[in-house]
Structures are given as structure tokens and as C-alpha cells.
Amino acid sequence: MTRHQILPRLIGALLFALVLLTSAPAAFAQADNSDTDAVVVSPLSLVPVEDLNFGNLIPGDTGGTAVISPAGGRTVSGSVVAAGGTVSNAEFQGYGTRNRYVFISTASSSYRLSRVGGGGNMRLRSLTLQADNLTPVNFPGLFRIASTNVITLRIGGTLDVRANQRAGVYQGTFPITMNYY
């Protein structure tokens, strides 16, 4: 190869390397922080794990109900149509002593869910309970803690949906009380 042939090839190779270097993504390092949480549960306690969520509902002309079972399934009645969304039973975890008794109660038989931003409400009623590791005793609401110390409560309920219920997000609370004996 002659000098006249080497110089154009060398310039071409340098230009190719320059294009590669300028088109390569820049490398950089970045530091950030992450959040971490832990909850230590004391004996004779009850903590919420999951909220009762009825998902998306379409009310219809005559209204009806949406029911969440303690197992987490949803059914609707009347002109109410289930329209997806997140559906879940309420779940609580408790910690007690094996063979001790626990009395589970709620403050009322129905609760109000209010529309965020105002202008409407719905009634939650007929709370139903399914409990893991609790054996019913012959008194309503009284149970014996069975084989382990951990208790799981799953709660469902019935939501009354009025005819042409105003669209929006409805929220409310209901208390669960566990008294250990």
C-alpha cells in the first residue's frame, strides 16, 4: 500500500471511531434513597392488612347491591353491574395465645360510605366474618384460639347501591374490636 492509499483509510477509520464514540450513551452514576418499613406486632393485637374494596360498579335504573364474600368474591344484584376494578375482602391479622378466648365485635350493623367531594353516600351492612385459627364457641362472636398464635380475619359485606347512584369514589370505615380473655 502506498502513502496515498493509507491516508484516506486512516482518516476514514478515525472518522468511524469518532462517530462511535460520540453516539455511545453517556455513563453516569446516581445515588438515591429508598424507604423501608417494618411493623412489630405485640401479643393481643390486631392490625389491618387489606381494605374492603367493592371495585367499580355501575348503578343502573333500579339500584341493587354489591356483595363481597369473606373469601373475596364479588356478586351484584338488581340493576348493578360489576365493572372491574380492584375487589378485595378486608383482612386483619391478630396475635393471641393458644387456647385463649377472643370476642370479636363491630360497633354497628351498618356504616356510611361518603362520596369524596361530597354529594352522596352509600350504606355498608351485613358484615360477614371468616376466621383462620379460631374455633367458634356457643356464644355469638366468641372464639377460641386454635393451633397457633396467629389469627387471620377476613371480612366481607353488602353495599347498597341506589338507583342512578352519583358517580365518584365512596369511602368509609368500620371498626373491628377483639377482646382477649
C-alpha atoms as a PDB file:
ATOM      1  CA  MET A   1       0.000   0.000   0.000  1.00  0.00           C
ATOM      2  CA  THR A   2       1.142   3.447  -0.787  1.00  0.00           C
ATOM      3  CA  ARG A   3       1.021   6.537   1.328  1.00  0.00           C
ATOM      4  CA  HIS A   4      -1.842   7.893  -0.798  1.00  0.00           C
ATOM      5  CA  GLN A   5      -3.897   4.770  -0.047  1.00  0.00           C
ATOM      6  CA  ILE A   6      -3.126   4.673   3.700  1.00  0.00           C
ATOM      7  CA  LEU A   7      -4.056   8.285   4.473  1.00  0.00           C
ATOM      8  CA  PRO A   8      -7.698   8.097   3.228  1.00  0.00           C
ATOM      9  CA  ARG A   9      -8.212   4.776   5.025  1.00  0.00           C
ATOM     10  CA  LEU A  10      -6.716   6.158   8.218  1.00  0.00           C
ATOM     11  CA  ILE A  11      -8.915   9.256   8.039  1.00  0.00           C
ATOM     12  CA  GLY A  12     -11.974   7.037   7.377  1.00  0.00           C
ATOM     13  CA  ALA A  13     -11.161   4.808  10.366  1.00  0.00           C
ATOM     14  CA  LEU A  14     -10.678   7.839  12.630  1.00  0.00           C
ATOM     15  CA  LEU A  15     -13.987   9.348  11.485  1.00  0.00           C
ATOM     16  CA  PHE A  16     -15.737   5.977  12.102  1.00  0.00           C
ATOM     17  CA  ALA A  17     -14.241   5.776  15.627  1.00  0.00           C
ATOM     18  CA  LEU A  18     -15.253   9.383  16.290  1.00  0.00           C
ATOM     19  CA  VAL A  19     -18.860   8.641  15.239  1.00  0.00           C
ATOM     20  CA  LEU A  20     -18.942   5.572  17.530  1.00  0.00           C
ATOM     21  CA  LEU A  21     -17.601   7.500  20.494  1.00  0.00           C
ATOM     22  CA  THR A  22     -19.985  10.425  20.092  1.00  0.00           C
ATOM     23  CA  SER A  23     -23.059   8.242  19.604  1.00  0.00           C
ATOM     24  CA  ALA A  24     -22.388   5.995  22.625  1.00  0.00           C
ATOM     25  CA  PRO A  25     -24.622   6.755  25.611  1.00  0.00           C
ATOM     26  CA  ALA A  26     -23.008   8.627  28.439  1.00  0.00           C
ATOM     27  CA  ALA A  27     -22.340   6.607  31.545  1.00  0.00           C
ATOM     28  CA  PHE A  28     -23.255   8.168  34.876  1.00  0.00           C
ATOM     29  CA  ALA A  29     -23.811   7.159  38.442  1.00  0.00           C
ATOM     30  CA  GLN A  30     -26.679   8.336  40.583  1.00  0.00           C
ATOM     31  CA  ALA A  31     -27.381   7.886  44.283  1.00  0.00           C
ATOM     32  CA  ASP A  32     -30.848   7.796  45.820  1.00  0.00           C
ATOM     33  CA  ASN A  33     -32.545   6.636  48.986  1.00  0.00           C
ATOM     34  CA  SER A  34     -35.231   4.017  49.429  1.00  0.00           C
ATOM     35  CA  ASP A  35     -37.900   3.757  52.109  1.00  0.00           C
ATOM     36  CA  THR A  36     -38.241   0.720  54.320  1.00  0.00           C
ATOM     37  CA  ASP A  37     -40.867  -0.186  56.881  1.00  0.00           C
ATOM     38  CA  ALA A  38     -41.384  -2.872  59.479  1.00  0.00           C
ATOM     39  CA  VAL A  39     -44.184  -3.412  61.955  1.00  0.00           C
ATOM     40  CA  VAL A  40     -43.553  -5.405  65.112  1.00  0.00           C
ATOM     41  CA  VAL A  41     -46.818  -6.823  66.382  1.00  0.00           C
ATOM     42  CA  SER A  42     -47.274  -7.267  70.105  1.00  0.00           C
ATOM     43  CA  PRO A  43     -49.283 -10.075  71.677  1.00  0.00           C
ATOM     44  CA  LEU A  44     -53.023  -9.465  71.918  1.00  0.00           C
ATOM     45  CA  SER A  45     -53.003  -7.149  68.916  1.00  0.00           C
ATOM     46  CA  LEU A  46     -54.919  -6.701  65.669  1.00  0.00           C
ATOM     47  CA  VAL A  47     -53.527  -4.956  62.566  1.00  0.00           C
ATOM     48  CA  PRO A  48     -55.152  -4.210  59.187  1.00  0.00           C
ATOM     49  CA  VAL A  49     -53.680  -5.990  56.164  1.00  0.00           C
ATOM     50  CA  GLU A  50     -56.172  -5.286  53.349  1.00  0.00           C
ATOM     51  CA  ASP A  51     -59.133  -2.901  52.912  1.00  0.00           C
ATOM     52  CA  LEU A  52     -62.642  -3.941  51.906  1.00  0.00           C
ATOM     53  CA  ASN A  53     -62.933  -2.858  48.270  1.00  0.00           C
ATOM     54  CA  PHE A  54     -66.042  -3.288  46.070  1.00  0.00           C
ATOM     55  CA  GLY A  55     -64.320  -2.277  42.822  1.00  0.00           C
ATOM     56  CA  ASN A  56     -66.049  -0.374  40.032  1.00  0.00           C
ATOM     57  CA  LEU A  57     -69.852  -0.518  39.929  1.00  0.00           C
ATOM     58  CA  ILE A  58     -72.485   0.785  37.505  1.00  0.00           C
ATOM     59  CA  PRO A  59     -75.735   1.510  39.433  1.00  0.00           C
ATOM     60  CA  GLY A  60     -78.484   1.193  36.797  1.00  0.00           C
ATOM     61  CA  ASP A  61     -82.097   2.423  36.964  1.00  0.00           C
ATOM     62  CA  THR A  62     -83.276   0.374  39.941  1.00  0.00           C
ATOM     63  CA  GLY A  63     -80.136   0.036  42.056  1.00  0.00           C
ATOM     64  CA  GLY A  64     -79.289  -3.103  43.992  1.00  0.00           C
ATOM     65  CA  THR A  65     -76.381  -4.485  45.963  1.00  0.00           C
ATOM     66  CA  ALA A  66     -72.749  -5.483  45.628  1.00  0.00           C
ATOM     67  CA  VAL A  67     -71.592  -8.224  47.991  1.00  0.00           C
ATOM     68  CA  ILE A  68     -68.011  -9.125  48.846  1.00  0.00           C
ATOM     69  CA  SER A  69     -67.670 -12.516  50.498  1.00  0.00           C
ATOM     70  CA  PRO A  70     -65.129 -13.079  53.277  1.00  0.00           C
ATOM     71  CA  ALA A  71     -63.208 -15.130  50.704  1.00  0.00           C
ATOM     72  CA  GLY A  72     -63.000 -12.072  48.425  1.00  0.00           C
ATOM     73  CA  GLY A  73     -65.527 -12.871  45.668  1.00  0.00           C
ATOM     74  CA  ARG A  74     -67.924 -10.196  44.391  1.00  0.00           C
ATOM     75  CA  THR A  75     -71.553 -10.637  43.324  1.00  0.00           C
ATOM     76  CA  VAL A  76     -74.066  -7.980  42.300  1.00  0.00           C
ATOM     77  CA  SER A  77     -77.873  -7.862  42.244  1.00  0.00           C
ATOM     78  CA  GLY A  78     -80.615  -5.664  40.838  1.00  0.00           C
ATOM     79  CA  SER A  79     -79.505  -3.383  38.025  1.00  0.00           C
ATOM     80  CA  VAL A  80     -75.973  -3.032  39.467  1.00  0.00           C
ATOM     81  CA  VAL A  81     -73.249  -4.084  37.027  1.00  0.00           C
ATOM     82  CA  ALA A  82     -69.741  -5.110  38.132  1.00  0.00           C
ATOM     83  CA  ALA A  83     -67.274  -3.134  36.004  1.00  0.00           C
ATOM     84  CA  GLY A  84     -63.821  -4.396  37.014  1.00  0.00           C
ATOM     85  CA  GLY A  85     -61.551  -2.536  39.375  1.00  0.00           C
ATOM     86  CA  THR A  86     -59.805  -3.820  42.468  1.00  0.00           C
ATOM     87  CA  VAL A  87     -62.008  -6.129  44.532  1.00  0.00           C
ATOM     88  CA  SER A  88     -60.930  -7.426  47.940  1.00  0.00           C
ATOM     89  CA  ASN A  89     -62.239  -8.554  51.288  1.00  0.00           C
ATOM     90  CA  ALA A  90     -60.970  -6.781  54.390  1.00  0.00           C
ATOM     91  CA  GLU A  91     -58.223  -8.700  56.155  1.00  0.00           C
ATOM     92  CA  PHE A  92     -56.769  -8.315  59.625  1.00  0.00           C
ATOM     93  CA  GLN A  93     -54.010 -10.218  61.407  1.00  0.00           C
ATOM     94  CA  GLY A  94     -54.033 -10.748  65.140  1.00  0.00           C
ATOM     95  CA  TYR A  95     -51.754 -12.371  67.649  1.00  0.00           C
ATOM     96  CA  GLY A  96     -53.014 -14.130  70.745  1.00  0.00           C
ATOM     97  CA  THR A  97     -52.268 -17.097  72.984  1.00  0.00           C
ATOM     98  CA  ARG A  98     -53.287 -20.607  72.002  1.00  0.00           C
ATOM     99  CA  ASN A  99     -56.447 -21.897  73.783  1.00  0.00           C
ATOM    100  CA  ARG A 100     -57.379 -18.399  74.991  1.00  0.00           C
ATOM    101  CA  TYR A 101     -60.716 -16.890  74.066  1.00  0.00           C
ATOM    102  CA  VAL A 102     -61.385 -13.865  71.931  1.00  0.00           C
ATOM    103  CA  PHE A 103     -64.611 -11.927  71.433  1.00  0.00           C
ATOM    104  CA  ILE A 104     -64.929 -10.194  68.041  1.00  0.00           C
ATOM    105  CA  SER A 105     -67.422  -7.370  67.558  1.00  0.00           C
ATOM    106  CA  THR A 106     -68.253  -4.320  65.452  1.00  0.00           C
ATOM    107  CA  ALA A 107     -69.794  -1.085  66.686  1.00  0.00           C
ATOM    108  CA  SER A 108     -72.871  -1.147  64.461  1.00  0.00           C
ATOM    109  CA  SER A 109     -74.805  -3.233  61.954  1.00  0.00           C
ATOM    110  CA  SER A 110     -74.342  -0.668  59.162  1.00  0.00           C
ATOM    111  CA  TYR A 111     -71.884   2.052  58.159  1.00  0.00           C
ATOM    112  CA  ARG A 112     -71.942   5.010  55.788  1.00  0.00           C
ATOM    113  CA  LEU A 113     -69.585   5.442  52.862  1.00  0.00           C
ATOM    114  CA  SER A 114     -69.403   9.092  51.769  1.00  0.00           C
ATOM    115  CA  ARG A 115     -68.611  10.331  48.281  1.00  0.00           C
ATOM    116  CA  VAL A 116     -65.217  12.021  48.105  1.00  0.00           C
ATOM    117  CA  GLY A 117     -66.007  15.671  47.372  1.00  0.00           C
ATOM    118  CA  GLY A 118     -69.499  15.359  48.869  1.00  0.00           C
ATOM    119  CA  GLY A 119     -72.875  14.890  47.309  1.00  0.00           C
ATOM    120  CA  GLY A 120     -73.662  11.282  48.059  1.00  0.00           C
ATOM    121  CA  ASN A 121     -73.400   8.294  50.346  1.00  0.00           C
ATOM    122  CA  MET A 122     -73.920   4.553  50.349  1.00  0.00           C
ATOM    123  CA  ARG A 123     -74.681   2.059  53.120  1.00  0.00           C
ATOM    124  CA  LEU A 124     -72.391  -0.837  54.045  1.00  0.00           C
ATOM    125  CA  ARG A 125     -74.182  -3.532  56.037  1.00  0.00           C
ATOM    126  CA  SER A 126     -74.227  -7.217  56.902  1.00  0.00           C
ATOM    127  CA  LEU A 127     -70.528  -7.632  57.646  1.00  0.00           C
ATOM    128  CA  THR A 128     -69.554 -11.298  57.464  1.00  0.00           C
ATOM    129  CA  LEU A 129     -66.529 -12.883  59.098  1.00  0.00           C
ATOM    130  CA  GLN A 130     -64.278 -15.792  58.217  1.00  0.00           C
ATOM    131  CA  ALA A 131     -61.502 -16.548  60.683  1.00  0.00           C
ATOM    132  CA  ASP A 132     -58.440 -18.752  60.397  1.00  0.00           C
ATOM    133  CA  ASN A 133     -57.204 -20.395  63.574  1.00  0.00           C
ATOM    134  CA  LEU A 134     -60.343 -19.556  65.570  1.00  0.00           C
ATOM    135  CA  THR A 135     -62.903 -22.108  66.707  1.00  0.00           C
ATOM    136  CA  PRO A 136     -66.442 -20.791  67.338  1.00  0.00           C
ATOM    137  CA  VAL A 137     -67.801 -21.213  70.870  1.00  0.00           C
ATOM    138  CA  ASN A 138     -71.530 -21.421  71.657  1.00  0.00           C
ATOM    139  CA  PHE A 139     -71.908 -17.654  72.041  1.00  0.00           C
ATOM    140  CA  PRO A 140     -72.154 -15.203  69.086  1.00  0.00           C
ATOM    141  CA  GLY A 141     -68.792 -13.566  68.406  1.00  0.00           C
ATOM    142  CA  LEU A 142     -66.833 -15.726  70.893  1.00  0.00           C
ATOM    143  CA  PHE A 143     -63.979 -17.888  69.609  1.00  0.00           C
ATOM    144  CA  ARG A 144     -61.125 -19.997  70.979  1.00  0.00           C
ATOM    145  CA  ILE A 145     -57.649 -19.533  69.510  1.00  0.00           C
ATOM    146  CA  ALA A 146     -56.780 -22.896  67.970  1.00  0.00           C
ATOM    147  CA  SER A 147     -53.432 -24.378  66.980  1.00  0.00           C
ATOM    148  CA  THR A 148     -51.117 -21.338  66.624  1.00  0.00           C
ATOM    149  CA  ASN A 149     -50.968 -17.808  67.978  1.00  0.00           C
ATOM    150  CA  VAL A 150     -51.615 -16.049  64.648  1.00  0.00           C
ATOM    151  CA  ILE A 151     -55.209 -15.149  63.786  1.00  0.00           C
ATOM    152  CA  THR A 152     -56.432 -14.079  60.350  1.00  0.00           C
ATOM    153  CA  LEU A 153     -59.811 -12.366  59.999  1.00  0.00           C
ATOM    154  CA  ARG A 154     -61.387 -11.929  56.572  1.00  0.00           C
ATOM    155  CA  ILE A 155     -64.436  -9.686  56.364  1.00  0.00           C
ATOM    156  CA  GLY A 156     -66.966  -9.177  53.601  1.00  0.00           C
ATOM    157  CA  GLY A 157     -70.136  -7.131  53.465  1.00  0.00           C
ATOM    158  CA  THR A 158     -73.071  -5.857  51.455  1.00  0.00           C
ATOM    159  CA  LEU A 159     -73.070  -2.434  49.798  1.00  0.00           C
ATOM    160  CA  ASP A 160     -76.458  -0.888  48.962  1.00  0.00           C
ATOM    161  CA  VAL A 161     -76.262   0.911  45.613  1.00  0.00           C
ATOM    162  CA  ARG A 162     -79.110   3.332  44.917  1.00  0.00           C
ATOM    163  CA  ALA A 163     -80.778   3.750  41.542  1.00  0.00           C
ATOM    164  CA  ASN A 164     -78.634   6.095  39.454  1.00  0.00           C
ATOM    165  CA  GLN A 165     -76.117   6.460  42.323  1.00  0.00           C
ATOM    166  CA  ARG A 166     -73.949   9.510  41.711  1.00  0.00           C
ATOM    167  CA  ALA A 167     -70.589   8.614  40.145  1.00  0.00           C
ATOM    168  CA  GLY A 168     -67.488   9.014  42.281  1.00  0.00           C
ATOM    169  CA  VAL A 169     -65.275   7.389  44.861  1.00  0.00           C
ATOM    170  CA  TYR A 170     -67.022   6.443  48.127  1.00  0.00           C
ATOM    171  CA  GLN A 171     -65.046   5.878  51.319  1.00  0.00           C
ATOM    172  CA  GLY A 172     -65.823   4.940  54.894  1.00  0.00           C
ATOM    173  CA  THR A 173     -64.546   2.986  57.866  1.00  0.00           C
ATOM    174  CA  PHE A 174     -65.809   0.261  60.153  1.00  0.00           C
ATOM    175  CA  PRO A 175     -64.232  -0.769  63.458  1.00  0.00           C
ATOM    176  CA  ILE A 176     -63.366  -4.329  64.442  1.00  0.00           C
ATOM    177  CA  THR A 177     -62.756  -4.991  68.127  1.00  0.00           C
ATOM    178  CA  MET A 178     -61.108  -8.097  69.555  1.00  0.00           C
ATOM    179  CA  ASN A 179     -61.274  -8.641  73.317  1.00  0.00           C
ATOM    180  CA  TYR A 180     -58.962 -11.366  74.627  1.00  0.00           C
ATOM    181  CA  TYR A 181     -59.900 -13.495  77.647  1.00  0.00           C
END
